[in-house]
Amino acid sequence: MAEGIPELVVDRASPVPLYFQVAQHLEQLIESGAYPPGTRLDNEIQLADQLGLSRPTMRRAIEYLVDRGLLVRKRGVGTQVVQPKVRRPVELSSLYDDLTAAGKQPRTQILSFELQEPSEVVAEALGLSGGERVYAVRRLRFTGDEPLSIMSNYVPAALVRLDAGALERTGLYALIRAAGINLKIATQTIGGRAARAAEARLLAEHPGAPLLTMTRVAYDETGRAVEYGSHLYRASMYTFELTLTTT
């Protein structure tokens, strides 16, 4: 059964465009769970008539949410709600904590857990000398039942003791902080590339699907590097949010 848009009275005197008022209201319904994935909406003509709007205004609101990955148009079916993306603020926090704070259900599968000598890239990033070892952890992070991210992290073994069981139950940064290390600042690079076959299988995507990449080095208050991370995220389910200001 198709759904209308309840409890919305557009404010024609507001400087906020009418299409954006509708889009924001629909986004709230989707992210609150009132419209779960799979919900089918009335067609644009019916929705426009319900709200007393023009069809182009309604179409623009729908297109805005399609572009944001919250709605999808399917031939013969209509407009449907899809799994909303995880929107993560770019700040020094863990994905596990961000998902929990957003009311998601994070779950972790350990793909590999080793104590090893670091590669040249990792050793340089963490400022390690020869002979020092790191925990090398590769994890698959889920939100609910959906795979979201492949995370590879490296932590100097001399700083903290890690175990695979704890990393399945909670986030890496929580374990680092529990060891008395105060994470203070990080350098981070965000990019994108196509999924390779093995990555696509883990993330329930097709080979070549777009992935977001993130590389981070985190430091404590003394300036000591304590973690190097290289992560992959499904672009279909994940975005980074930034707040920009002028000076």
Protein backbone atom coordinates (compact mmCIF):
# COMPACT_ATOMS: atom_id res chain seq x y z
CA MET A 1 0.00 0.00 0.00
CA ALA A 2 1.36 3.44 -0.93
CA GLU A 3 1.78 6.12 1.72
CA GLY A 4 1.00 9.82 1.72
CA ILE A 5 2.89 12.41 3.78
CA PRO A 6 1.20 12.91 7.17
CA GLU A 7 1.45 15.81 9.59
CA LEU A 8 2.98 18.34 7.24
CA VAL A 9 1.76 21.89 6.75
CA VAL A 10 4.06 23.81 4.45
CA ASP A 11 4.89 27.37 5.45
CA ARG A 12 4.52 29.51 2.34
CA ALA A 13 5.81 32.58 4.17
CA SER A 14 9.08 30.87 5.12
CA PRO A 15 12.29 31.69 3.22
CA VAL A 16 12.92 27.91 3.12
CA PRO A 17 11.86 26.63 -0.34
CA LEU A 18 8.68 24.54 -0.36
CA TYR A 19 10.39 21.54 -1.94
CA PHE A 20 13.02 21.58 0.82
CA GLN A 21 10.36 21.72 3.57
CA VAL A 22 8.76 18.61 2.09
CA ALA A 23 12.11 16.86 1.62
CA GLN A 24 13.18 17.55 5.21
CA HIS A 25 9.90 16.22 6.58
CA LEU A 26 10.18 13.05 4.52
CA GLU A 27 13.80 12.62 5.60
CA GLN A 28 12.74 12.80 9.26
CA LEU A 29 10.05 10.16 8.66
CA ILE A 30 12.61 7.87 7.02
CA GLU A 31 15.38 8.31 9.59
CA SER A 32 12.97 7.95 12.54
CA GLY A 33 11.81 4.59 11.19
CA ALA A 34 8.24 5.78 10.56
CA TYR A 35 8.89 4.96 6.90
CA PRO A 36 11.11 1.85 7.01
CA PRO A 37 13.03 0.58 3.96
CA GLY A 38 10.62 -0.76 1.35
CA THR A 39 7.84 1.76 2.11
CA ARG A 40 6.20 2.87 -1.16
CA LEU A 41 5.05 6.47 -1.54
CA ASP A 42 2.04 7.76 -3.44
CA ASN A 43 2.87 9.09 -6.88
CA GLU A 44 3.96 12.71 -7.27
CA ILE A 45 0.58 13.90 -8.53
CA GLN A 46 -1.25 12.48 -5.49
CA LEU A 47 1.35 13.84 -3.06
CA ALA A 48 1.26 17.27 -4.69
CA ASP A 49 -2.55 17.34 -4.49
CA GLN A 50 -2.46 16.24 -0.82
CA LEU A 51 -0.12 19.10 0.11
CA GLY A 52 -1.58 21.70 -2.25
CA LEU A 53 1.71 22.01 -4.15
CA SER A 54 2.63 22.03 -7.80
CA ARG A 55 3.86 18.83 -9.35
CA PRO A 56 7.32 20.34 -10.19
CA THR A 57 7.76 21.29 -6.49
CA MET A 58 6.88 17.75 -5.39
CA ARG A 59 9.11 16.23 -8.06
CA ARG A 60 12.04 18.37 -6.90
CA ALA A 61 11.56 17.21 -3.26
CA ILE A 62 11.55 13.57 -4.38
CA GLU A 63 14.61 14.09 -6.61
CA TYR A 64 16.46 15.70 -3.69
CA LEU A 65 15.92 12.57 -1.57
CA VAL A 66 16.78 10.26 -4.47
CA ASP A 67 20.08 12.14 -4.86
CA ARG A 68 20.74 11.70 -1.12
CA GLY A 69 20.17 7.96 -1.38
CA LEU A 70 17.01 7.87 0.77
CA LEU A 71 14.50 7.12 -2.02
CA VAL A 72 14.70 5.12 -5.22
CA ARG A 73 12.44 5.12 -8.27
CA LYS A 74 11.59 1.65 -9.62
CA ARG A 75 9.77 1.13 -12.89
CA GLY A 76 6.43 -0.58 -12.33
CA VAL A 77 6.69 -0.08 -8.54
CA GLY A 78 7.02 3.65 -7.96
CA THR A 79 9.04 5.54 -5.37
CA GLN A 80 10.33 3.50 -2.43
CA VAL A 81 12.31 4.16 0.74
CA VAL A 82 15.75 2.54 0.80
CA GLN A 83 18.16 1.87 3.65
CA PRO A 84 19.26 5.34 4.81
CA LYS A 85 22.94 6.17 4.61
CA VAL A 86 25.05 6.45 7.72
CA ARG A 87 26.08 10.10 7.94
CA ARG A 88 29.24 10.49 9.98
CA PRO A 89 30.64 13.80 11.23
CA VAL A 90 34.34 14.21 10.46
CA GLU A 91 35.74 14.28 13.97
CA LEU A 92 38.02 12.18 16.18
CA SER A 93 35.61 9.39 17.05
CA SER A 94 35.20 5.73 16.21
CA LEU A 95 32.66 4.31 13.75
CA TYR A 96 31.36 2.03 16.51
CA ASP A 97 30.63 4.99 18.81
CA ASP A 98 29.10 7.04 15.96
CA LEU A 99 26.75 4.21 14.98
CA THR A 100 25.72 3.67 18.60
CA ALA A 101 25.08 7.40 19.12
CA ALA A 102 22.95 7.47 15.95
CA GLY A 103 20.74 4.65 17.29
CA LYS A 104 22.16 2.10 14.84
CA GLN A 105 23.15 -1.44 15.81
CA PRO A 106 26.90 -1.89 15.19
CA ARG A 107 28.26 -5.41 14.89
CA THR A 108 31.83 -6.49 14.16
CA GLN A 109 33.32 -9.52 12.45
CA ILE A 110 37.07 -10.01 12.91
CA LEU A 111 38.63 -10.88 9.56
CA SER A 112 42.21 -11.10 10.86
CA PHE A 113 44.06 -10.31 14.10
CA GLU A 114 47.86 -10.49 14.22
CA LEU A 115 50.87 -9.23 16.13
CA GLN A 116 53.45 -8.38 13.47
CA GLU A 117 56.24 -6.12 12.32
CA PRO A 118 54.69 -3.14 10.52
CA SER A 119 55.11 -2.36 6.86
CA GLU A 120 57.29 0.60 5.93
CA VAL A 121 54.20 2.79 5.41
CA VAL A 122 52.71 1.92 8.81
CA ALA A 123 56.05 2.21 10.64
CA GLU A 124 56.64 5.66 9.17
CA ALA A 125 53.11 6.83 10.00
CA LEU A 126 53.40 5.64 13.61
CA GLY A 127 57.03 6.76 14.06
CA LEU A 128 58.22 3.27 14.93
CA SER A 129 61.81 2.04 14.82
CA GLY A 130 63.05 -1.38 13.77
CA GLY A 131 61.97 -4.31 15.91
CA GLU A 132 58.79 -2.71 17.24
CA ARG A 133 55.58 -4.62 16.57
CA VAL A 134 51.98 -3.61 16.01
CA TYR A 135 48.57 -5.16 16.35
CA ALA A 136 47.25 -5.52 12.81
CA VAL A 137 43.46 -5.85 12.88
CA ARG A 138 41.11 -6.20 9.92
CA ARG A 139 37.38 -6.01 10.70
CA LEU A 140 34.07 -6.00 8.87
CA ARG A 141 31.65 -3.56 10.50
CA PHE A 142 27.89 -3.98 10.13
CA THR A 143 24.97 -1.68 10.87
CA GLY A 144 22.16 -4.05 11.71
CA ASP A 145 22.45 -6.84 9.15
CA GLU A 146 24.04 -4.67 6.46
CA PRO A 147 27.83 -4.71 5.95
CA LEU A 148 29.09 -1.13 5.96
CA SER A 149 32.86 -0.95 6.23
CA ILE A 150 36.12 -2.89 5.98
CA MET A 151 38.54 -1.47 8.55
CA SER A 152 42.28 -2.14 8.76
CA ASN A 153 43.94 -0.71 11.88
CA TYR A 154 47.46 -0.78 13.31
CA VAL A 155 48.28 0.00 16.94
CA PRO A 156 51.77 -0.14 18.54
CA ALA A 157 51.88 -3.23 20.78
CA ALA A 158 53.93 -1.33 23.37
CA LEU A 159 51.06 1.10 24.01
CA VAL A 160 48.04 -1.09 24.68
CA ARG A 161 47.08 -4.76 24.90
CA LEU A 162 44.34 -5.79 22.51
CA ASP A 163 42.42 -9.02 21.95
CA ALA A 164 40.06 -10.10 19.21
CA GLY A 165 37.16 -10.86 21.56
CA ALA A 166 37.10 -7.32 22.97
CA LEU A 167 37.23 -5.85 19.47
CA GLU A 168 34.14 -7.83 18.51
CA ARG A 169 32.24 -6.39 21.47
CA THR A 170 33.24 -2.73 21.35
CA GLY A 171 35.16 -0.09 19.39
CA LEU A 172 38.93 0.23 19.07
CA TYR A 173 39.02 3.78 20.46
CA ALA A 174 37.13 2.71 23.58
CA LEU A 175 39.83 0.11 24.26
CA ILE A 176 42.62 2.63 23.63
CA ARG A 177 41.03 5.13 26.02
CA ALA A 178 40.46 2.40 28.62
CA ALA A 179 44.24 1.86 28.57
CA GLY A 180 44.68 5.47 29.76
CA ILE A 181 45.57 6.96 26.36
CA ASN A 182 43.88 10.28 25.59
CA LEU A 183 43.27 10.63 21.86
CA LYS A 184 43.64 14.30 21.01
CA ILE A 185 44.04 14.97 17.30
CA ALA A 186 44.26 13.15 13.96
CA THR A 187 45.24 13.69 10.36
CA GLN A 188 42.77 12.22 7.88
CA THR A 189 42.50 11.78 4.12
CA ILE A 190 39.19 10.94 2.41
CA GLY A 191 38.96 9.65 -1.14
CA GLY A 192 37.24 7.08 -3.30
CA ARG A 193 37.85 4.11 -5.58
CA ALA A 194 36.14 1.11 -7.14
CA ALA A 195 35.55 -2.08 -5.15
CA ARG A 196 37.76 -5.07 -5.92
CA ALA A 197 36.15 -8.50 -6.17
CA ALA A 198 37.02 -9.68 -2.62
CA GLU A 199 35.95 -6.35 -1.09
CA ALA A 200 32.70 -6.40 -3.05
CA ARG A 201 31.85 -9.87 -1.70
CA LEU A 202 32.39 -8.76 1.90
CA LEU A 203 30.37 -5.56 1.44
CA ALA A 204 27.50 -7.13 -0.55
CA GLU A 205 28.31 -4.90 -3.52
CA HIS A 206 29.25 -5.67 -7.10
CA PRO A 207 32.88 -5.44 -8.30
CA GLY A 208 33.58 -1.90 -9.40
CA ALA A 209 30.98 -0.37 -7.05
CA PRO A 210 32.05 3.01 -5.63
CA LEU A 211 33.71 2.93 -2.22
CA LEU A 212 34.75 5.79 0.05
CA THR A 213 38.27 5.53 1.44
CA MET A 214 39.58 7.00 4.67
CA THR A 215 43.15 6.96 6.01
CA ARG A 216 43.78 8.31 9.50
CA VAL A 217 46.66 8.69 11.95
CA ALA A 218 45.52 9.49 15.51
CA TYR A 219 47.74 11.12 18.16
CA ASP A 220 47.57 11.53 21.94
CA GLU A 221 48.02 14.81 23.83
CA THR A 222 51.83 14.42 23.77
CA GLY A 223 51.86 14.19 19.97
CA ARG A 224 52.63 10.46 19.96
CA ALA A 225 51.04 8.49 17.10
CA VAL A 226 48.84 5.77 18.61
CA GLU A 227 46.80 4.38 15.67
CA TYR A 228 46.96 4.12 11.89
CA GLY A 229 43.73 3.23 10.10
CA SER A 230 42.80 2.51 6.50
CA HIS A 231 39.06 2.05 5.97
CA LEU A 232 36.67 1.34 3.09
CA TYR A 233 32.98 2.34 3.19
CA ARG A 234 30.05 1.54 0.92
CA ALA A 235 29.28 4.79 -0.89
CA SER A 236 25.68 3.60 -1.28
CA MET A 237 25.22 3.63 2.51
CA TYR A 238 27.74 6.07 3.93
CA THR A 239 28.65 9.76 3.79
CA PHE A 240 31.03 12.05 5.67
CA GLU A 241 29.61 15.31 7.07
CA LEU A 242 31.70 18.45 7.47
CA THR A 243 30.86 21.77 9.07
CA LEU A 244 32.57 24.69 7.33
CA THR A 245 33.06 28.16 8.79
CA THR A 246 34.55 31.41 7.50
CA THR A 247 37.38 33.27 9.17
